[in-house]
């Protein structure tokens, strides 16, 4: 091979190499994601110091559809939801994972790019990592910009949250408010921003209490 051909080949290969972000599987499966698509580690660490945090990899390997998602800007408000429909009192991990998968499947059927919530809290008080903080949530129609989403599994018009669930909610909200400097007046229930009964009367009363906690 002549020196000229070798140089041309090297130039072609150099120009053809694409950045490798992670190991991808077929279809909707993923093992690793680009760094800017991962949740901010300081937020997760802050929550994990106070409550049991289940990372996304512990409940799903379904990859987000990035083409259906918007990059997040600065978060300046936070909205609390419940899953609604039926009661949820599962404490065994596998049962909770089944519930989470149901929410994810439902959201994808609505053509969301991923589960709509950033964090989900189960009846046992575990906090589950949902949508990456690199992206806006999909949880309040027309009000997702700058709006973090925390959802409690259950229907809190029909049931009361457990003590563990409430304790984790308070600690998670505290950590998120501190990280993003969110004022207490910007802590909402879904019903405050849209036509909904969410997050149910037995959780909404606690949102009113959270609004009175001025300092973080």
Protein backbone atom coordinates (compact mmCIF):
# COMPACT_ATOMS: atom_id res chain seq x y z
CA UNK A 1 0.00 0.00 0.00
CA UNK A 2 1.48 3.38 -0.99
CA UNK A 3 2.05 6.16 1.52
CA UNK A 4 -0.60 8.28 -0.23
CA UNK A 5 -3.25 5.53 0.05
CA UNK A 6 -2.35 4.86 3.71
CA UNK A 7 -2.73 8.57 4.52
CA UNK A 8 -6.08 8.73 2.73
CA UNK A 9 -7.32 5.65 4.64
CA UNK A 10 -6.23 7.12 7.98
CA UNK A 11 -7.97 10.40 7.19
CA UNK A 12 -11.19 8.60 6.22
CA UNK A 13 -11.24 6.50 9.41
CA UNK A 14 -10.54 9.51 11.59
CA UNK A 15 -13.45 11.38 10.06
CA UNK A 16 -15.78 8.38 10.34
CA UNK A 17 -15.40 7.61 14.06
CA UNK A 18 -18.48 8.53 16.07
CA UNK A 19 -18.47 9.07 19.86
CA UNK A 20 -19.51 5.99 21.82
CA UNK A 21 -21.74 6.78 24.79
CA UNK A 22 -22.61 3.37 26.10
CA UNK A 23 -23.53 -0.17 25.27
CA UNK A 24 -26.91 -0.34 23.57
CA UNK A 25 -29.19 -3.33 23.22
CA UNK A 26 -31.83 -3.88 20.56
CA UNK A 27 -35.22 -2.18 20.55
CA UNK A 28 -36.12 -0.47 23.80
CA UNK A 29 -33.27 -1.90 25.88
CA UNK A 30 -30.28 0.04 27.11
CA UNK A 31 -27.35 -0.67 29.39
CA UNK A 32 -25.70 2.74 29.49
CA UNK A 33 -26.62 6.30 28.50
CA UNK A 34 -24.77 9.47 27.56
CA UNK A 35 -23.53 11.39 30.55
CA UNK A 36 -25.84 14.35 29.89
CA UNK A 37 -28.85 12.03 29.92
CA UNK A 38 -28.18 10.72 33.41
CA UNK A 39 -29.72 12.25 36.56
CA UNK A 40 -27.49 14.65 38.42
CA UNK A 41 -25.55 12.51 40.93
CA UNK A 42 -25.50 15.17 43.65
CA UNK A 43 -29.31 15.20 43.75
CA UNK A 44 -29.51 11.43 44.00
CA UNK A 45 -26.80 11.32 46.65
CA UNK A 46 -28.60 13.96 48.69
CA UNK A 47 -31.82 11.94 48.64
CA UNK A 48 -30.03 8.65 49.23
CA UNK A 49 -28.49 9.95 52.46
CA UNK A 50 -31.97 10.33 53.94
CA UNK A 51 -34.22 7.68 52.37
CA UNK A 52 -33.91 4.27 50.68
CA UNK A 53 -33.31 5.15 47.01
CA UNK A 54 -33.84 2.58 44.27
CA UNK A 55 -31.91 3.45 41.12
CA UNK A 56 -33.62 3.17 37.77
CA UNK A 57 -31.52 0.12 36.83
CA UNK A 58 -33.14 -1.74 39.74
CA UNK A 59 -36.59 -1.69 38.18
CA UNK A 60 -36.30 -1.30 34.40
CA UNK A 61 -34.00 -1.63 31.40
CA UNK A 62 -36.41 0.17 29.07
CA UNK A 63 -34.66 3.10 27.41
CA UNK A 64 -36.29 6.52 27.17
CA UNK A 65 -37.39 7.76 23.74
CA UNK A 66 -35.26 10.89 23.64
CA UNK A 67 -36.96 12.19 20.50
CA UNK A 68 -40.17 12.55 22.53
CA UNK A 69 -38.58 14.41 25.44
CA UNK A 70 -37.46 17.98 26.08
CA UNK A 71 -34.25 18.96 27.80
CA UNK A 72 -34.80 20.45 31.24
CA UNK A 73 -33.90 24.00 32.10
CA UNK A 74 -33.67 25.28 35.67
CA UNK A 75 -36.16 23.67 38.03
CA UNK A 76 -37.99 26.29 40.09
CA UNK A 77 -41.13 24.43 41.18
CA UNK A 78 -42.24 20.98 42.25
CA UNK A 79 -45.51 19.09 41.86
CA UNK A 80 -46.73 16.11 43.90
CA UNK A 81 -49.00 13.43 42.42
CA UNK A 82 -50.57 10.10 43.25
CA UNK A 83 -50.93 7.21 40.84
CA UNK A 84 -54.71 7.27 41.33
CA UNK A 85 -57.15 4.62 40.04
CA UNK A 86 -56.67 1.83 42.62
CA UNK A 87 -55.22 1.56 46.09
CA UNK A 88 -51.56 0.54 46.34
CA UNK A 89 -50.17 -0.91 49.56
CA UNK A 90 -47.38 -3.09 48.18
CA UNK A 91 -44.19 -3.25 50.20
CA UNK A 92 -42.45 -6.20 48.48
CA UNK A 93 -40.03 -4.93 45.83
CA UNK A 94 -41.21 -7.18 43.01
CA UNK A 95 -44.80 -6.08 43.50
CA UNK A 96 -43.77 -2.42 43.45
CA UNK A 97 -41.70 -3.00 40.30
CA UNK A 98 -44.82 -4.47 38.68
CA UNK A 99 -46.73 -1.30 39.60
CA UNK A 100 -43.96 0.93 38.22
CA UNK A 101 -43.86 -1.04 35.00
CA UNK A 102 -47.59 -0.51 34.65
CA UNK A 103 -47.16 3.26 34.98
CA UNK A 104 -44.28 3.28 32.49
CA UNK A 105 -46.24 1.17 30.00
CA UNK A 106 -49.26 3.45 30.30
CA UNK A 107 -47.15 6.56 29.72
CA UNK A 108 -45.42 5.07 26.70
CA UNK A 109 -48.80 4.14 25.23
CA UNK A 110 -49.66 7.84 25.46
CA UNK A 111 -46.48 8.47 23.44
CA UNK A 112 -44.52 9.92 26.36
CA UNK A 113 -40.78 9.46 25.92
CA UNK A 114 -40.48 7.88 29.38
CA UNK A 115 -42.29 7.60 32.69
CA UNK A 116 -43.56 11.09 33.41
CA UNK A 117 -42.30 11.44 37.00
CA UNK A 118 -38.79 12.11 38.26
CA UNK A 119 -39.34 10.24 41.55
CA UNK A 120 -41.90 7.70 42.78
CA UNK A 121 -42.47 6.83 46.45
CA UNK A 122 -43.95 3.46 47.40
CA UNK A 123 -45.99 2.42 50.45
CA UNK A 124 -42.87 1.12 52.22
CA UNK A 125 -41.20 4.54 51.91
CA UNK A 126 -38.70 3.58 49.19
CA UNK A 127 -37.98 6.29 46.64
CA UNK A 128 -37.62 5.06 43.05
CA UNK A 129 -35.66 6.96 40.44
CA UNK A 130 -37.86 7.70 37.41
CA UNK A 131 -37.24 10.09 34.54
CA UNK A 132 -33.80 11.67 34.31
CA UNK A 133 -33.42 15.20 35.67
CA UNK A 134 -31.80 16.07 32.37
CA UNK A 135 -35.33 16.20 30.93
CA UNK A 136 -38.61 17.91 31.68
CA UNK A 137 -41.24 15.73 33.26
CA UNK A 138 -44.57 14.81 31.65
CA UNK A 139 -47.07 15.18 34.47
CA UNK A 140 -49.10 18.43 34.26
CA UNK A 141 -50.51 19.48 30.89
CA UNK A 142 -48.91 22.74 29.81
CA UNK A 143 -47.04 23.13 33.13
CA UNK A 144 -44.00 20.85 32.82
CA UNK A 145 -41.33 23.47 32.23
CA UNK A 146 -39.12 23.91 35.30
CA UNK A 147 -41.41 21.54 37.22
CA UNK A 148 -40.06 18.51 39.10
CA UNK A 149 -42.45 15.58 39.49
CA UNK A 150 -42.81 13.42 42.60
CA UNK A 151 -45.49 10.72 42.63
CA UNK A 152 -46.77 8.56 45.48
CA UNK A 153 -48.10 5.12 44.57
CA UNK A 154 -51.71 4.82 45.69
CA UNK A 155 -55.08 6.53 45.49
CA UNK A 156 -55.21 9.00 48.34
CA UNK A 157 -58.86 9.80 48.04
CA UNK A 158 -59.49 6.13 48.89
CA UNK A 159 -56.58 5.39 51.26
CA UNK A 160 -54.16 7.15 53.55
CA UNK A 161 -50.40 7.17 52.86
CA UNK A 162 -48.27 5.14 55.25
CA UNK A 163 -46.08 6.87 57.81
CA UNK A 164 -43.00 5.66 55.91
CA UNK A 165 -44.36 7.02 52.64
CA UNK A 166 -45.05 10.43 54.16
CA UNK A 167 -41.67 10.56 55.90
CA UNK A 168 -39.89 9.84 52.61
CA UNK A 169 -42.01 12.42 50.82
CA UNK A 170 -41.05 15.14 53.30
CA UNK A 171 -37.37 14.23 53.12
CA UNK A 172 -37.36 14.01 49.33
CA UNK A 173 -39.09 17.36 48.95
CA UNK A 174 -36.62 18.89 51.40
CA UNK A 175 -33.64 17.56 49.43
CA UNK A 176 -35.04 18.74 46.08
CA UNK A 177 -35.93 22.17 47.41
CA UNK A 178 -32.46 22.57 48.85
CA UNK A 179 -30.73 21.42 45.65
CA UNK A 180 -32.72 23.65 43.32
CA UNK A 181 -33.51 26.50 45.73
CA UNK A 182 -37.25 26.03 45.28
CA UNK A 183 -39.36 28.30 47.53
CA UNK A 184 -42.06 26.67 49.62
CA UNK A 185 -44.78 28.58 47.74
CA UNK A 186 -43.75 26.68 44.60
CA UNK A 187 -44.62 23.25 46.03
CA UNK A 188 -47.85 22.20 44.36
CA UNK A 189 -50.33 19.38 44.12
CA UNK A 190 -51.46 18.45 40.63
CA UNK A 191 -54.87 19.96 41.40
CA UNK A 192 -53.25 23.39 41.85
CA UNK A 193 -52.09 23.46 38.23
CA UNK A 194 -54.69 21.43 36.35
CA UNK A 195 -58.23 20.05 36.42
CA UNK A 196 -57.56 17.07 38.66
CA UNK A 197 -58.28 15.67 42.13
CA UNK A 198 -54.64 14.47 42.28
CA UNK A 199 -52.89 13.83 44.65
CA UNK A 200 -55.98 13.04 46.72
CA UNK A 201 -57.28 14.65 49.89
CA UNK A 202 -55.11 12.59 52.26
CA UNK A 203 -51.89 13.82 50.61
CA UNK A 204 -52.98 17.32 49.66
CA UNK A 205 -53.29 18.27 53.33
CA UNK A 206 -49.57 17.58 53.67
CA UNK A 207 -48.78 19.78 50.66
CA UNK A 208 -50.39 22.65 52.54
CA UNK A 209 -48.02 21.89 55.43
CA UNK A 210 -45.02 21.76 53.10
CA UNK A 211 -45.82 25.26 51.87
CA UNK A 212 -45.35 26.55 55.41
CA UNK A 213 -41.80 25.17 55.68
CA UNK A 214 -39.93 28.26 54.56
CA UNK A 215 -36.30 27.27 55.08
CA UNK A 216 -34.37 24.37 53.58
